[in-house]
Amino acid sequence: MDIELFDQVSDALFHLVPDELGEPRRRARRYGIKVWFDTKEPGREHYEAQVVGAGHVAGATVLGLELGFHAEHSRAEDNEAALAPLLAAERSWRRRLGPDTVAGPFLGRWEHWRRVSETWADPDLGDPDLAFELATRLTDYITALEPLRRR
């Protein structure tokens, strides 16, 4: 896979995220992108779109994509605290993000990490519209969750 996909997501996010949230910091890599605000380097709490193994996505046979918010602190209590304001306001973001959004344990071996995210089964990584679709959906997460995180 060409890194270009997530570079394109990065470029689109720069233009899609509302100015009142500040400039989204972005780091694209071969299999994903991290997005965060306010610090030079990404923190343990950030937004992400990434390729994941098919075993982590219902209905996937080849691979999946996961996108949304991550809390990746080393202590489970810190991850729970990061999710607490989001869970308290779930009704507001659920209307915007939909019923397929999962708030809970992280995908994979880091069971103490937490997420508010969704997965896509077997996307066509060569689809010319995929970068914009990912950027738009990640912007949905950012605009729904970031104001709640900043309260």
C-alpha atoms as a PDB file:
ATOM      1  CA  MET A   1       0.000   0.000   0.000  1.00  0.00           C
ATOM      2  CA  ASP A   2       1.202   3.460  -0.856  1.00  0.00           C
ATOM      3  CA  ILE A   3       1.550   6.016   1.957  1.00  0.00           C
ATOM      4  CA  GLU A   4      -0.221   8.422  -0.359  1.00  0.00           C
ATOM      5  CA  LEU A   5      -3.655   7.366   0.949  1.00  0.00           C
ATOM      6  CA  PHE A   6      -3.031   8.690   4.456  1.00  0.00           C
ATOM      7  CA  ASP A   7      -1.130  11.727   3.142  1.00  0.00           C
ATOM      8  CA  GLN A   8      -4.304  12.564   1.211  1.00  0.00           C
ATOM      9  CA  VAL A   9      -6.382  12.068   4.360  1.00  0.00           C
ATOM     10  CA  SER A  10      -4.014  14.457   6.160  1.00  0.00           C
ATOM     11  CA  ASP A  11      -4.335  17.124   3.494  1.00  0.00           C
ATOM     12  CA  ALA A  12      -8.130  16.883   3.472  1.00  0.00           C
ATOM     13  CA  LEU A  13      -8.356  17.052   7.276  1.00  0.00           C
ATOM     14  CA  PHE A  14      -6.403  20.291   7.271  1.00  0.00           C
ATOM     15  CA  HIS A  15      -9.209  21.853   5.232  1.00  0.00           C
ATOM     16  CA  LEU A  16     -12.179  20.076   6.847  1.00  0.00           C
ATOM     17  CA  VAL A  17     -11.587  20.604  10.578  1.00  0.00           C
ATOM     18  CA  PRO A  18     -13.287  23.827  11.740  1.00  0.00           C
ATOM     19  CA  ASP A  19     -10.943  26.692  12.608  1.00  0.00           C
ATOM     20  CA  GLU A  20     -12.394  27.076  16.110  1.00  0.00           C
ATOM     21  CA  LEU A  21     -10.832  23.737  17.091  1.00  0.00           C
ATOM     22  CA  GLY A  22      -7.394  24.954  16.064  1.00  0.00           C
ATOM     23  CA  GLU A  23      -5.008  23.463  13.583  1.00  0.00           C
ATOM     24  CA  PRO A  24      -5.117  19.686  13.644  1.00  0.00           C
ATOM     25  CA  ARG A  25      -1.644  18.217  14.031  1.00  0.00           C
ATOM     26  CA  ARG A  26      -1.283  15.194  11.812  1.00  0.00           C
ATOM     27  CA  ARG A  27       1.132  12.343  11.323  1.00  0.00           C
ATOM     28  CA  ALA A  28       0.516  10.087   8.343  1.00  0.00           C
ATOM     29  CA  ARG A  29       2.297   6.790   8.040  1.00  0.00           C
ATOM     30  CA  ARG A  30       2.067   3.794   5.772  1.00  0.00           C
ATOM     31  CA  TYR A  31      -0.932   2.185   7.498  1.00  0.00           C
ATOM     32  CA  GLY A  32      -2.661   5.074   9.196  1.00  0.00           C
ATOM     33  CA  ILE A  33      -2.843   8.625  10.452  1.00  0.00           C
ATOM     34  CA  LYS A  34      -2.897  10.179  13.930  1.00  0.00           C
ATOM     35  CA  VAL A  35      -4.552  13.538  14.543  1.00  0.00           C
ATOM     36  CA  TRP A  36      -4.273  15.629  17.704  1.00  0.00           C
ATOM     37  CA  PHE A  37      -4.418  19.211  18.952  1.00  0.00           C
ATOM     38  CA  ASP A  38      -2.425  21.597  21.140  1.00  0.00           C
ATOM     39  CA  THR A  39       0.900  19.766  21.488  1.00  0.00           C
ATOM     40  CA  LYS A  40       3.888  19.367  19.205  1.00  0.00           C
ATOM     41  CA  GLU A  41       3.956  15.576  19.516  1.00  0.00           C
ATOM     42  CA  PRO A  42       0.923  13.274  19.633  1.00  0.00           C
ATOM     43  CA  GLY A  43      -0.351  12.543  23.096  1.00  0.00           C
ATOM     44  CA  ARG A  44      -1.907   9.401  24.470  1.00  0.00           C
ATOM     45  CA  GLU A  45      -5.322  10.768  23.501  1.00  0.00           C
ATOM     46  CA  HIS A  46      -5.789  11.317  19.770  1.00  0.00           C
ATOM     47  CA  TYR A  47      -7.874  10.565  16.710  1.00  0.00           C
ATOM     48  CA  GLU A  48      -6.757   7.875  14.344  1.00  0.00           C
ATOM     49  CA  ALA A  49      -7.613   6.086  11.129  1.00  0.00           C
ATOM     50  CA  GLN A  50      -5.668   2.894  10.589  1.00  0.00           C
ATOM     51  CA  VAL A  51      -5.550  -0.378   8.761  1.00  0.00           C
ATOM     52  CA  VAL A  52      -6.277  -3.319  11.089  1.00  0.00           C
ATOM     53  CA  GLY A  53      -6.320  -7.057  10.635  1.00  0.00           C
ATOM     54  CA  ALA A  54      -9.469  -8.729   9.390  1.00  0.00           C
ATOM     55  CA  GLY A  55      -9.819 -10.552  12.700  1.00  0.00           C
ATOM     56  CA  HIS A  56     -10.675  -7.265  14.415  1.00  0.00           C
ATOM     57  CA  VAL A  57     -13.525  -6.349  12.066  1.00  0.00           C
ATOM     58  CA  ALA A  58     -16.797  -8.246  11.808  1.00  0.00           C
ATOM     59  CA  GLY A  59     -17.377  -9.439   8.270  1.00  0.00           C
ATOM     60  CA  ALA A  60     -13.854  -8.659   7.036  1.00  0.00           C
ATOM     61  CA  THR A  61     -11.981 -11.318   5.106  1.00  0.00           C
ATOM     62  CA  VAL A  62      -8.848  -9.411   4.039  1.00  0.00           C
ATOM     63  CA  LEU A  63      -8.415  -6.322   6.232  1.00  0.00           C
ATOM     64  CA  GLY A  64     -10.286  -3.552   7.947  1.00  0.00           C
ATOM     65  CA  LEU A  65     -10.090   0.109   8.777  1.00  0.00           C
ATOM     66  CA  GLU A  66     -10.694   1.517  12.221  1.00  0.00           C
ATOM     67  CA  LEU A  67     -11.272   5.212  12.770  1.00  0.00           C
ATOM     68  CA  GLY A  68     -12.192   7.393  15.701  1.00  0.00           C
ATOM     69  CA  PHE A  69     -10.810   8.489  19.068  1.00  0.00           C
ATOM     70  CA  HIS A  70      -8.207   6.565  21.105  1.00  0.00           C
ATOM     71  CA  ALA A  71      -7.069   6.803  24.725  1.00  0.00           C
ATOM     72  CA  GLU A  72      -3.763   4.923  24.982  1.00  0.00           C
ATOM     73  CA  HIS A  73      -2.425   5.661  28.467  1.00  0.00           C
ATOM     74  CA  SER A  74      -0.386   3.019  30.238  1.00  0.00           C
ATOM     75  CA  ARG A  75      -2.819   2.970  33.166  1.00  0.00           C
ATOM     76  CA  ALA A  76      -6.358   1.708  32.644  1.00  0.00           C
ATOM     77  CA  GLU A  77      -7.706   4.343  35.065  1.00  0.00           C
ATOM     78  CA  ASP A  78      -6.356   7.149  32.877  1.00  0.00           C
ATOM     79  CA  ASN A  79      -8.055   5.690  29.813  1.00  0.00           C
ATOM     80  CA  GLU A  80     -11.342   5.359  31.686  1.00  0.00           C
ATOM     81  CA  ALA A  81     -10.997   8.980  32.828  1.00  0.00           C
ATOM     82  CA  ALA A  82     -10.402  10.090  29.222  1.00  0.00           C
ATOM     83  CA  LEU A  83     -13.594   8.370  28.111  1.00  0.00           C
ATOM     84  CA  ALA A  84     -15.722   9.515  31.073  1.00  0.00           C
ATOM     85  CA  PRO A  85     -16.786  12.914  29.646  1.00  0.00           C
ATOM     86  CA  LEU A  86     -17.531  11.293  26.299  1.00  0.00           C
ATOM     87  CA  LEU A  87     -19.657   8.577  27.847  1.00  0.00           C
ATOM     88  CA  ALA A  88     -21.490  11.170  29.945  1.00  0.00           C
ATOM     89  CA  ALA A  89     -22.454  12.978  26.731  1.00  0.00           C
ATOM     90  CA  GLU A  90     -23.009   9.881  24.616  1.00  0.00           C
ATOM     91  CA  ARG A  91     -26.501  10.896  23.614  1.00  0.00           C
ATOM     92  CA  SER A  92     -25.216  13.996  21.814  1.00  0.00           C
ATOM     93  CA  TRP A  93     -22.406  12.335  19.863  1.00  0.00           C
ATOM     94  CA  ARG A  94     -24.351   9.141  19.213  1.00  0.00           C
ATOM     95  CA  ARG A  95     -26.870  11.123  17.154  1.00  0.00           C
ATOM     96  CA  ARG A  96     -24.033  12.444  15.000  1.00  0.00           C
ATOM     97  CA  LEU A  97     -21.829   9.358  14.784  1.00  0.00           C
ATOM     98  CA  GLY A  98     -24.480   6.664  14.636  1.00  0.00           C
ATOM     99  CA  PRO A  99     -25.199   3.278  16.168  1.00  0.00           C
ATOM    100  CA  ASP A 100     -22.122   1.527  14.757  1.00  0.00           C
ATOM    101  CA  THR A 101     -19.777   3.621  16.884  1.00  0.00           C
ATOM    102  CA  VAL A 102     -18.270   1.595  19.728  1.00  0.00           C
ATOM    103  CA  ALA A 103     -17.216   3.162  23.027  1.00  0.00           C
ATOM    104  CA  GLY A 104     -15.135   0.670  24.926  1.00  0.00           C
ATOM    105  CA  PRO A 105     -12.097  -1.588  24.792  1.00  0.00           C
ATOM    106  CA  PHE A 106      -9.452  -1.087  22.165  1.00  0.00           C
ATOM    107  CA  LEU A 107      -9.040  -3.470  19.259  1.00  0.00           C
ATOM    108  CA  GLY A 108      -6.086  -5.776  19.749  1.00  0.00           C
ATOM    109  CA  ARG A 109      -3.798  -6.749  22.555  1.00  0.00           C
ATOM    110  CA  TRP A 110      -3.842  -3.527  24.583  1.00  0.00           C
ATOM    111  CA  GLU A 111      -6.971  -4.348  26.555  1.00  0.00           C
ATOM    112  CA  HIS A 112      -6.588  -1.400  28.938  1.00  0.00           C
ATOM    113  CA  TRP A 113      -6.681   1.152  26.097  1.00  0.00           C
ATOM    114  CA  ARG A 114     -10.066   2.632  25.160  1.00  0.00           C
ATOM    115  CA  ARG A 115     -11.726   3.882  22.000  1.00  0.00           C
ATOM    116  CA  VAL A 116     -14.751   5.608  20.530  1.00  0.00           C
ATOM    117  CA  SER A 117     -14.537   4.369  16.974  1.00  0.00           C
ATOM    118  CA  GLU A 118     -15.945   2.314  14.149  1.00  0.00           C
ATOM    119  CA  THR A 119     -14.588  -0.268  11.744  1.00  0.00           C
ATOM    120  CA  TRP A 120     -14.995  -0.781   8.020  1.00  0.00           C
ATOM    121  CA  ALA A 121     -14.720  -4.268   6.552  1.00  0.00           C
ATOM    122  CA  ASP A 122     -12.609  -4.925   3.461  1.00  0.00           C
ATOM    123  CA  PRO A 123     -12.336  -1.386   2.063  1.00  0.00           C
ATOM    124  CA  ASP A 124     -10.807  -0.927  -1.368  1.00  0.00           C
ATOM    125  CA  LEU A 125      -7.588   0.891  -0.466  1.00  0.00           C
ATOM    126  CA  GLY A 126      -7.162   1.856  -4.122  1.00  0.00           C
ATOM    127  CA  ASP A 127     -10.532   3.618  -4.335  1.00  0.00           C
ATOM    128  CA  PRO A 128      -9.821   7.234  -5.330  1.00  0.00           C
ATOM    129  CA  ASP A 129     -12.638   8.463  -3.050  1.00  0.00           C
ATOM    130  CA  LEU A 130     -11.447   6.606   0.051  1.00  0.00           C
ATOM    131  CA  ALA A 131      -9.108   9.333   1.328  1.00  0.00           C
ATOM    132  CA  PHE A 132     -11.889  11.922   1.289  1.00  0.00           C
ATOM    133  CA  GLU A 133     -14.359   9.488   2.872  1.00  0.00           C
ATOM    134  CA  LEU A 134     -11.880   8.757   5.681  1.00  0.00           C
ATOM    135  CA  ALA A 135     -11.084  12.436   6.208  1.00  0.00           C
ATOM    136  CA  THR A 136     -14.765  13.349   6.285  1.00  0.00           C
ATOM    137  CA  ARG A 137     -15.641  10.628   8.754  1.00  0.00           C
ATOM    138  CA  LEU A 138     -12.649  11.385  10.973  1.00  0.00           C
ATOM    139  CA  THR A 139     -13.729  15.028  10.937  1.00  0.00           C
ATOM    140  CA  ASP A 140     -17.165  13.860  12.129  1.00  0.00           C
ATOM    141  CA  TYR A 141     -15.476  12.275  15.146  1.00  0.00           C
ATOM    142  CA  ILE A 142     -13.323  15.323  15.810  1.00  0.00           C
ATOM    143  CA  THR A 143     -16.218  17.787  15.646  1.00  0.00           C
ATOM    144  CA  ALA A 144     -18.489  15.567  17.761  1.00  0.00           C
ATOM    145  CA  LEU A 145     -15.966  14.623  20.455  1.00  0.00           C
ATOM    146  CA  GLU A 146     -13.319  17.328  20.719  1.00  0.00           C
ATOM    147  CA  PRO A 147     -15.646  20.011  22.160  1.00  0.00           C
ATOM    148  CA  LEU A 148     -16.758  17.504  24.822  1.00  0.00           C
ATOM    149  CA  ARG A 149     -13.152  16.642  25.659  1.00  0.00           C
ATOM    150  CA  ARG A 150     -12.312  20.340  26.107  1.00  0.00           C
ATOM    151  CA  ARG A 151     -15.096  21.074  28.611  1.00  0.00           C
END
